[in-house]
């Protein structure tokens, strides 16, 4: 059939659907995947570290004991994230300016 999209699995042609998604999980703490696998897939590591678990539990406790303190912490985390992005944007702009600058840099 013209316009038909398919993939070959073994000796069979299987219709291809661009909306098809496959999700694979593993209980291996650090599965060994080749660079080809990483290049053709999205690998998400959901491992919880002891430090991460500690932070989550502390957040829950503080939220119950001193809600205003936890709200302030969350607000500061958001501000820090915004400021880091702003800093990166400013650094990129400065590097762009330096790379395209001609003549005396103090004149710019």
Foldseek 3Di string as FASTA:
>chain_A
DPPFDFDQDPNDTHGDDPPDDDDDDDPDQDDDDDVVVVVVDPDDHPDQDPVNVVVVVVLVVCCVVPVVVSVVVVVVVVVVVVVVVVVVVVVVVVVVCVVPDDDDPVVD
